């Protein structure tokens, strides 16, 4: 991955986080974080 692609992806993620907090008050980020923790626990079960 080139530096230009990494920078573009980082800016896109930061922009989406800012938009989520501006529009939804961070609800989508909180939802996805909770789902990520459930998924990590699921993966730890299969370890």
Protein backbone atom coordinates (compact mmCIF):
# COMPACT_ATOMS: atom_id res chain seq x y z
CA UNK A 1 0.00 0.00 0.00
CA UNK A 2 1.42 3.33 -0.97
CA UNK A 3 1.52 6.35 1.29
CA UNK A 4 -1.03 8.13 -0.87
CA UNK A 5 -3.57 5.30 -0.53
CA UNK A 6 -2.98 5.04 3.22
CA UNK A 7 -3.48 8.78 3.63
CA UNK A 8 -6.67 8.70 1.57
CA UNK A 9 -8.07 5.83 3.64
CA UNK A 10 -7.15 7.54 6.91
CA UNK A 11 -8.81 10.78 5.81
CA UNK A 12 -11.92 8.87 4.72
CA UNK A 13 -12.19 7.11 8.09
CA UNK A 14 -11.66 10.33 10.02
CA UNK A 15 -14.21 12.11 7.82
CA UNK A 16 -16.79 9.39 8.39
CA UNK A 17 -16.22 9.51 12.15
CA UNK A 18 -16.63 13.28 12.18
CA UNK A 19 -19.80 12.99 10.09
CA UNK A 20 -21.19 10.33 12.42
CA UNK A 21 -20.60 12.47 15.50
CA UNK A 22 -22.07 15.53 13.77
CA UNK A 23 -25.21 13.80 12.48
CA UNK A 24 -25.91 10.91 14.88
CA UNK A 25 -24.00 11.87 17.97
CA UNK A 26 -21.71 8.87 17.51
CA UNK A 27 -24.44 6.23 17.57
CA UNK A 28 -23.17 4.37 14.49
CA UNK A 29 -19.63 4.31 15.86
CA UNK A 30 -20.84 2.95 19.18
CA UNK A 31 -22.94 0.29 17.42
CA UNK A 32 -20.03 -0.85 15.25
CA UNK A 33 -17.66 -0.89 18.24
CA UNK A 34 -20.04 -3.12 20.19
CA UNK A 35 -20.39 -5.48 17.22
CA UNK A 36 -16.59 -5.58 16.87
CA UNK A 37 -16.22 -6.63 20.53
CA UNK A 38 -18.79 -9.40 20.07
CA UNK A 39 -16.91 -10.59 16.99
CA UNK A 40 -13.58 -10.57 18.81
CA UNK A 41 -15.08 -12.65 21.62
CA UNK A 42 -16.43 -15.05 18.99
CA UNK A 43 -13.00 -15.39 17.44
CA UNK A 44 -11.40 -15.91 20.86
CA UNK A 45 -13.79 -18.82 21.42
CA UNK A 46 -12.38 -20.62 18.37
CA UNK A 47 -8.79 -20.07 19.46
